[in-house]
Structures are given as C-alpha cells and as structure tokens.
C-alpha cells in the first residue's frame, strides 16, 4: 500500500438478520370470550387486503355460504356484506 494510505486490514463486516413474516401470512385469528357471565364465546378475525366475507366464512367454517353469519354478528359495524376493509376486526360467531 502507498505511504499514508488507510489500512482497512482489521475491518470486520457483521450483519444482523431479522426474520421475515412467514410466506402466505394472512389475517390473524384471536379468541374472545364473555368471561364469567358466559353469554358467548367467539373468535375474531382481522381483515387483510383481498378478503371477502365469503372467503373468511370458507376459512372459518369450511363453507363460503355461511358469510351471512359473520355479517349478522358484525352489524351495525358492517352495513353491506360486500364492503369490508383491511384492519377491521370482525367477530366470528360459533358455527350455527
């Protein structure tokens, strides 16, 4: 190396990695309960982009046609079953 040139001989590179979200991650499901007065026990579902009520019903109940159960359980928040938005937390009632 020429005289006066910086010496980078002791430089060590280090990288930290942050785990990415799992591939295919979608809406989250949580459990909610009324507690000791026992009135109901249901799940909640957080809407993600591309979700539809029928698609959520298919995931939760195995039948897209049961979307009306989710719609009814979330009124008056939902006014139209075709209008849900990412970030909304929907109550998923037990399957009837």
N, C-alpha and C. Protein backbone atom coordinates (compact mmCIF):
# COMPACT_ATOMS: atom_id res chain seq x y z
N UNK A 1 0.85 -1.19 0.00
CA UNK A 1 0.00 0.00 0.00
C UNK A 1 0.88 1.24 0.00
N UNK A 2 0.50 2.27 -0.72
CA UNK A 2 1.30 3.51 -0.74
C UNK A 2 1.36 4.14 0.65
N UNK A 3 2.40 4.85 0.92
CA UNK A 3 2.56 5.52 2.21
C UNK A 3 1.39 6.47 2.44
N UNK A 4 0.83 6.47 3.66
CA UNK A 4 -0.27 7.36 4.01
C UNK A 4 -1.62 6.83 3.60
N UNK A 5 -1.70 5.68 2.93
CA UNK A 5 -2.99 5.11 2.53
C UNK A 5 -3.65 4.48 3.75
N UNK A 6 -4.96 4.58 3.85
CA UNK A 6 -5.63 3.97 5.01
C UNK A 6 -5.47 2.45 5.02
N UNK A 7 -5.36 1.89 6.19
CA UNK A 7 -5.22 0.44 6.33
C UNK A 7 -6.54 -0.12 6.83
N UNK A 8 -7.22 -0.87 5.96
CA UNK A 8 -8.50 -1.48 6.33
C UNK A 8 -8.35 -2.95 6.68
N UNK A 9 -7.15 -3.37 7.00
CA UNK A 9 -6.86 -4.77 7.26
C UNK A 9 -7.61 -5.35 8.45
N UNK A 10 -7.98 -4.52 9.42
CA UNK A 10 -8.65 -5.03 10.62
C UNK A 10 -10.16 -4.85 10.59
N UNK A 11 -10.73 -4.43 9.46
CA UNK A 11 -12.17 -4.21 9.37
C UNK A 11 -12.88 -5.56 9.30
N UNK A 12 -13.92 -5.70 10.14
CA UNK A 12 -14.72 -6.92 10.15
C UNK A 12 -16.15 -6.55 9.81
N UNK A 13 -16.73 -7.25 8.87
CA UNK A 13 -18.12 -7.00 8.49
C UNK A 13 -19.03 -7.88 9.32
N UNK A 14 -20.15 -7.33 9.73
CA UNK A 14 -21.12 -8.10 10.51
C UNK A 14 -22.51 -7.71 10.04
N UNK A 15 -23.38 -8.70 9.91
CA UNK A 15 -24.77 -8.41 9.54
C UNK A 15 -25.69 -9.05 10.55
N UNK A 16 -26.77 -8.37 10.85
CA UNK A 16 -27.82 -8.92 11.70
C UNK A 16 -29.02 -9.16 10.81
N UNK A 17 -29.66 -10.29 11.00
CA UNK A 17 -30.85 -10.57 10.19
C UNK A 17 -32.08 -10.52 11.08
N UNK A 18 -33.14 -10.07 10.48
CA UNK A 18 -34.43 -10.03 11.15
C UNK A 18 -35.34 -10.98 10.41
N UNK A 19 -35.97 -11.93 11.12
CA UNK A 19 -36.82 -12.88 10.40
C UNK A 19 -37.98 -12.17 9.71
N UNK A 20 -38.25 -12.58 8.49
CA UNK A 20 -39.35 -12.01 7.73
C UNK A 20 -40.66 -12.69 8.14
N UNK A 21 -41.75 -12.10 7.77
CA UNK A 21 -43.05 -12.73 8.02
C UNK A 21 -43.12 -14.02 7.23
N UNK A 22 -43.79 -15.02 7.78
CA UNK A 22 -43.91 -16.28 7.03
C UNK A 22 -44.60 -16.07 5.70
N UNK A 23 -44.16 -16.78 4.69
CA UNK A 23 -44.78 -16.67 3.37
C UNK A 23 -46.25 -17.05 3.47
N UNK A 24 -47.08 -16.29 2.82
CA UNK A 24 -48.50 -16.61 2.80
C UNK A 24 -49.24 -16.18 4.06
N UNK A 25 -48.59 -15.39 4.92
CA UNK A 25 -49.27 -14.96 6.15
C UNK A 25 -50.50 -14.14 5.76
N UNK A 26 -51.59 -14.37 6.47
CA UNK A 26 -52.80 -13.63 6.17
C UNK A 26 -53.40 -13.12 7.46
N UNK A 27 -54.69 -12.88 7.46
CA UNK A 27 -55.37 -12.31 8.63
C UNK A 27 -55.12 -13.12 9.88
N UNK A 28 -55.21 -12.44 11.00
CA UNK A 28 -54.96 -13.14 12.25
C UNK A 28 -56.28 -13.52 12.90
N UNK A 29 -56.23 -14.59 13.65
CA UNK A 29 -57.41 -15.07 14.36
C UNK A 29 -57.09 -15.06 15.84
N UNK A 30 -57.97 -14.50 16.64
CA UNK A 30 -57.80 -14.48 18.09
C UNK A 30 -59.08 -15.00 18.71
N UNK A 31 -58.99 -15.37 19.97
CA UNK A 31 -60.18 -15.87 20.66
C UNK A 31 -60.67 -14.80 21.63
N UNK A 32 -61.97 -14.66 21.73
CA UNK A 32 -62.57 -13.72 22.67
C UNK A 32 -63.65 -14.46 23.42
N UNK A 33 -63.91 -14.03 24.63
CA UNK A 33 -64.93 -14.71 25.43
C UNK A 33 -65.60 -13.70 26.33
N UNK A 34 -66.82 -13.97 26.69
CA UNK A 34 -67.57 -13.06 27.54
C UNK A 34 -67.16 -13.17 29.00
N UNK A 35 -66.41 -14.19 29.35
CA UNK A 35 -65.95 -14.33 30.73
C UNK A 35 -66.95 -15.06 31.59
N UNK A 36 -66.98 -14.70 32.88
CA UNK A 36 -67.75 -15.47 33.85
C UNK A 36 -69.26 -15.44 33.61
N UNK A 37 -69.76 -14.38 32.96
CA UNK A 37 -71.21 -14.37 32.71
C UNK A 37 -71.57 -15.23 31.51
N UNK A 38 -70.57 -15.76 30.80
CA UNK A 38 -70.75 -16.83 29.83
C UNK A 38 -71.63 -16.59 28.63
N UNK A 39 -72.05 -15.39 28.31
CA UNK A 39 -73.01 -15.18 27.23
C UNK A 39 -72.59 -15.75 25.89
N UNK A 40 -71.34 -15.58 25.49
CA UNK A 40 -70.92 -16.06 24.18
C UNK A 40 -69.44 -16.33 24.19
N UNK A 41 -69.02 -17.10 23.25
CA UNK A 41 -67.60 -17.34 23.04
C UNK A 41 -67.40 -17.33 21.53
N UNK A 42 -66.54 -16.44 21.06
CA UNK A 42 -66.34 -16.36 19.63
C UNK A 42 -64.90 -16.04 19.33
N UNK A 43 -64.56 -16.09 18.07
CA UNK A 43 -63.23 -15.72 17.60
C UNK A 43 -63.34 -14.34 16.95
N UNK A 44 -62.20 -13.74 16.74
CA UNK A 44 -62.16 -12.51 15.95
C UNK A 44 -61.23 -12.75 14.78
N UNK A 45 -61.44 -11.99 13.72
CA UNK A 45 -60.62 -12.11 12.52
C UNK A 45 -60.31 -10.70 12.04
N UNK A 46 -59.03 -10.43 11.79
CA UNK A 46 -58.63 -9.13 11.28
C UNK A 46 -58.55 -9.21 9.75
N UNK A 47 -59.34 -8.37 9.10
CA UNK A 47 -59.44 -8.36 7.64
C UNK A 47 -58.11 -7.91 7.03
N UNK A 48 -57.67 -8.62 5.99
CA UNK A 48 -56.49 -8.22 5.22
C UNK A 48 -56.92 -7.94 3.79
N UNK A 49 -56.08 -7.25 3.06
CA UNK A 49 -56.37 -6.88 1.68
C UNK A 49 -56.72 -8.13 0.86
N UNK A 50 -57.80 -8.05 0.11
CA UNK A 50 -58.23 -9.16 -0.72
C UNK A 50 -59.27 -10.05 -0.08
N UNK A 51 -59.51 -9.88 1.23
CA UNK A 51 -60.52 -10.71 1.91
C UNK A 51 -61.93 -10.35 1.45
N UNK A 52 -62.81 -11.35 1.51
CA UNK A 52 -64.24 -11.16 1.33
C UNK A 52 -64.92 -11.90 2.47
N UNK A 53 -66.15 -11.54 2.77
CA UNK A 53 -66.87 -12.27 3.83
C UNK A 53 -67.02 -13.74 3.47
N UNK A 54 -67.29 -14.03 2.20
CA UNK A 54 -67.45 -15.43 1.82
C UNK A 54 -66.12 -16.17 1.94
N UNK A 55 -65.02 -15.51 1.63
CA UNK A 55 -63.71 -16.13 1.78
C UNK A 55 -63.37 -16.39 3.23
N UNK A 56 -63.72 -15.45 4.10
CA UNK A 56 -63.48 -15.63 5.53
C UNK A 56 -64.36 -16.77 6.05
N UNK A 57 -65.61 -16.83 5.61
CA UNK A 57 -66.51 -17.92 6.02
C UNK A 57 -65.95 -19.26 5.57
N UNK A 58 -65.37 -19.31 4.38
CA UNK A 58 -64.77 -20.55 3.88
C UNK A 58 -63.62 -20.99 4.80
N UNK A 59 -62.77 -20.02 5.20
CA UNK A 59 -61.64 -20.33 6.08
C UNK A 59 -62.11 -20.78 7.46
N UNK A 60 -63.12 -20.08 8.00
CA UNK A 60 -63.52 -20.29 9.39
C UNK A 60 -64.50 -21.46 9.55
N UNK A 61 -65.39 -21.63 8.58
CA UNK A 61 -66.45 -22.64 8.70
C UNK A 61 -66.35 -23.75 7.66
N UNK A 62 -65.51 -23.56 6.64
CA UNK A 62 -65.44 -24.55 5.57
C UNK A 62 -66.56 -24.39 4.55
N UNK A 63 -67.30 -23.27 4.63
CA UNK A 63 -68.40 -23.03 3.70
C UNK A 63 -68.54 -21.54 3.43
N UNK A 64 -68.31 -21.14 2.18
CA UNK A 64 -68.42 -19.73 1.81
C UNK A 64 -69.83 -19.20 2.00
N UNK A 65 -70.83 -20.07 1.88
CA UNK A 65 -72.22 -19.66 2.00
C UNK A 65 -72.62 -19.21 3.40
N UNK A 66 -71.78 -19.43 4.38
CA UNK A 66 -72.11 -19.03 5.76
C UNK A 66 -71.66 -17.61 6.08
N UNK A 67 -71.33 -16.83 5.03
CA UNK A 67 -70.88 -15.45 5.25
C UNK A 67 -71.93 -14.62 5.98
N UNK A 68 -73.22 -14.96 5.81
CA UNK A 68 -74.28 -14.19 6.46
C UNK A 68 -74.16 -14.24 7.99
N UNK A 69 -73.68 -15.36 8.53
CA UNK A 69 -73.49 -15.46 9.99
C UNK A 69 -72.50 -14.40 10.47
N UNK A 70 -71.41 -14.24 9.71
CA UNK A 70 -70.40 -13.24 10.08
C UNK A 70 -70.97 -11.84 9.90
N UNK A 71 -71.69 -11.63 8.79
CA UNK A 71 -72.28 -10.32 8.53
C UNK A 71 -73.23 -9.93 9.66
N UNK A 72 -74.13 -10.83 10.04
CA UNK A 72 -75.11 -10.52 11.10
C UNK A 72 -74.44 -10.28 12.44
N UNK A 73 -73.37 -11.01 12.73
CA UNK A 73 -72.68 -10.86 14.01
C UNK A 73 -71.92 -9.53 14.11
N UNK A 74 -71.72 -8.87 12.98
CA UNK A 74 -70.93 -7.64 12.97
C UNK A 74 -71.74 -6.40 12.61
N UNK A 75 -73.06 -6.51 12.68
CA UNK A 75 -73.88 -5.32 12.48
C UNK A 75 -73.99 -4.61 13.82
N UNK A 76 -74.06 -3.32 13.88
CA UNK A 76 -74.20 -2.36 12.78
C UNK A 76 -72.88 -1.90 12.17
N UNK A 77 -71.72 -2.44 12.64
CA UNK A 77 -70.44 -2.00 12.06
C UNK A 77 -70.42 -2.24 10.55
N UNK A 78 -70.91 -3.40 10.12
CA UNK A 78 -70.98 -3.69 8.68
C UNK A 78 -72.38 -3.34 8.18
N UNK A 79 -72.42 -2.53 7.15
CA UNK A 79 -73.71 -2.15 6.59
C UNK A 79 -74.01 -2.91 5.29
N UNK A 80 -72.95 -3.45 4.67
CA UNK A 80 -73.09 -4.16 3.39
C UNK A 80 -72.06 -5.29 3.38
N UNK A 81 -72.48 -6.52 3.11
CA UNK A 81 -71.53 -7.63 3.14
C UNK A 81 -70.43 -7.53 2.08
N UNK A 82 -70.61 -6.68 1.09
CA UNK A 82 -69.59 -6.51 0.05
C UNK A 82 -68.57 -5.43 0.39
N UNK A 83 -68.72 -4.77 1.54
CA UNK A 83 -67.81 -3.68 1.90
C UNK A 83 -67.15 -3.96 3.24
N UNK A 84 -65.99 -4.63 3.18
CA UNK A 84 -65.15 -4.80 4.36
C UNK A 84 -63.78 -4.23 4.01
N UNK A 85 -63.02 -3.84 5.03
CA UNK A 85 -61.78 -3.12 4.79
C UNK A 85 -60.64 -3.72 5.60
N UNK A 86 -59.42 -3.74 5.04
CA UNK A 86 -58.27 -4.22 5.79
C UNK A 86 -58.15 -3.50 7.13
N UNK A 87 -57.87 -4.26 8.16
CA UNK A 87 -57.73 -3.71 9.51
C UNK A 87 -58.98 -3.86 10.35
N UNK A 88 -60.13 -4.08 9.74
CA UNK A 88 -61.34 -4.29 10.53
C UNK A 88 -61.21 -5.59 11.31
N UNK A 89 -61.66 -5.58 12.56
CA UNK A 89 -61.67 -6.78 13.36
C UNK A 89 -63.11 -7.28 13.43
N UNK A 90 -63.34 -8.44 12.84
CA UNK A 90 -64.69 -8.99 12.77
C UNK A 90 -64.88 -10.06 13.84
N UNK A 91 -66.05 -10.09 14.42
CA UNK A 91 -66.43 -11.17 15.34
C UNK A 91 -66.86 -12.36 14.50
N UNK A 92 -66.30 -13.52 14.82
CA UNK A 92 -66.65 -14.76 14.11
C UNK A 92 -67.43 -15.62 15.11
N UNK A 93 -68.75 -15.66 14.98
CA UNK A 93 -69.55 -16.42 15.95
C UNK A 93 -69.34 -17.92 15.79
N UNK A 94 -69.65 -18.69 16.84
CA UNK A 94 -69.58 -20.13 16.70
C UNK A 94 -70.47 -20.58 15.53
N UNK A 95 -70.07 -21.62 14.84
CA UNK A 95 -70.82 -22.09 13.68
C UNK A 95 -72.21 -22.54 14.09
N UNK A 96 -73.21 -22.06 13.34
CA UNK A 96 -74.60 -22.41 13.66
C UNK A 96 -75.02 -23.61 12.85
